[in-house]
Amino acid sequence: MPQHVADIPPDGLPAYRLLTGPDDSAFCKRVSEALALGYRLYGSPAATFNGEWVIVAQAVLWPGSDHAAG
């Protein structure tokens, strides 16, 4: 069954994305930009310390792609 344009993320982005990086304003901006595009948060964020910085991760999922994550 063909997907509608609204059923897929823009610019060839994947339905599931794991955003990672140092816990700073640039990371928060990347997550905010994904949400503004239409992605939803998927699961809880994760954090670890690499000996120098706190590194965080947040998964985001395109709406209607729930079946892809299960």
Protein backbone atom coordinates (compact mmCIF):
# COMPACT_ATOMS: atom_id res chain seq x y z
CA MET A 1 0.00 0.00 0.00
CA PRO A 2 1.60 3.34 -0.99
CA GLN A 3 2.34 5.87 1.71
CA HIS A 4 0.95 9.38 1.64
CA VAL A 5 3.42 12.26 1.69
CA ALA A 6 2.30 13.15 5.23
CA ASP A 7 3.04 9.57 6.31
CA ILE A 8 6.77 9.93 5.73
CA PRO A 9 9.30 12.33 7.24
CA PRO A 10 10.53 15.27 5.14
CA ASP A 11 13.84 15.44 3.29
CA GLY A 12 14.35 11.67 3.19
CA LEU A 13 14.82 11.48 6.96
CA PRO A 14 14.21 8.08 8.57
CA ALA A 15 11.08 7.39 10.60
CA TYR A 16 13.18 6.52 13.66
CA ARG A 17 16.07 8.69 14.75
CA LEU A 18 18.36 8.50 17.76
CA LEU A 19 19.74 11.93 18.50
CA THR A 20 22.93 11.96 20.60
CA GLY A 21 25.46 14.48 21.77
CA PRO A 22 26.81 16.47 24.69
CA ASP A 23 24.13 17.73 27.07
CA ASP A 24 24.15 21.33 25.87
CA SER A 25 21.92 23.87 24.17
CA ALA A 26 22.90 22.57 20.70
CA PHE A 27 21.55 19.11 21.58
CA CYS A 28 18.34 20.59 22.99
CA LYS A 29 17.96 22.62 19.78
CA ARG A 30 18.33 19.46 17.64
CA VAL A 31 15.61 17.69 19.61
CA SER A 32 13.38 20.79 19.43
CA GLU A 33 13.90 21.00 15.65
CA ALA A 34 12.90 17.34 15.25
CA LEU A 35 9.75 17.99 17.27
CA ALA A 36 8.98 21.06 15.15
CA LEU A 37 9.24 18.91 12.01
CA GLY A 38 6.58 16.59 13.43
CA TYR A 39 8.58 13.85 15.18
CA ARG A 40 7.42 12.62 18.59
CA LEU A 41 9.61 11.70 21.54
CA TYR A 42 10.03 7.93 21.73
CA GLY A 43 10.95 6.53 25.11
CA SER A 44 12.90 8.23 27.85
CA PRO A 45 16.14 10.11 27.32
CA ALA A 46 19.38 8.45 28.33
CA ALA A 47 22.50 10.03 29.79
CA THR A 48 26.04 8.85 30.48
CA PHE A 49 29.33 10.47 31.45
CA ASN A 50 32.31 9.91 29.17
CA GLY A 51 34.89 11.17 31.67
CA GLU A 52 34.65 14.70 30.33
CA TRP A 53 31.03 15.51 29.40
CA VAL A 54 27.53 14.24 30.00
CA ILE A 55 26.39 12.62 26.74
CA VAL A 56 22.66 12.35 26.15
CA ALA A 57 20.44 10.45 23.74
CA GLN A 58 16.81 10.85 22.76
CA ALA A 59 14.92 8.72 20.29
CA VAL A 60 12.27 10.35 18.12
CA LEU A 61 9.68 8.63 15.93
CA TRP A 62 7.65 9.89 13.02
CA PRO A 63 3.88 9.72 13.72
CA GLY A 64 2.27 6.66 12.17
CA SER A 65 5.51 4.70 12.36
CA ASP A 66 4.69 2.95 15.64
CA HIS A 67 4.52 -0.39 13.85
CA ALA A 68 8.17 0.04 12.78
CA ALA A 69 9.32 0.27 16.38
CA GLY A 70 7.42 -2.77 17.67
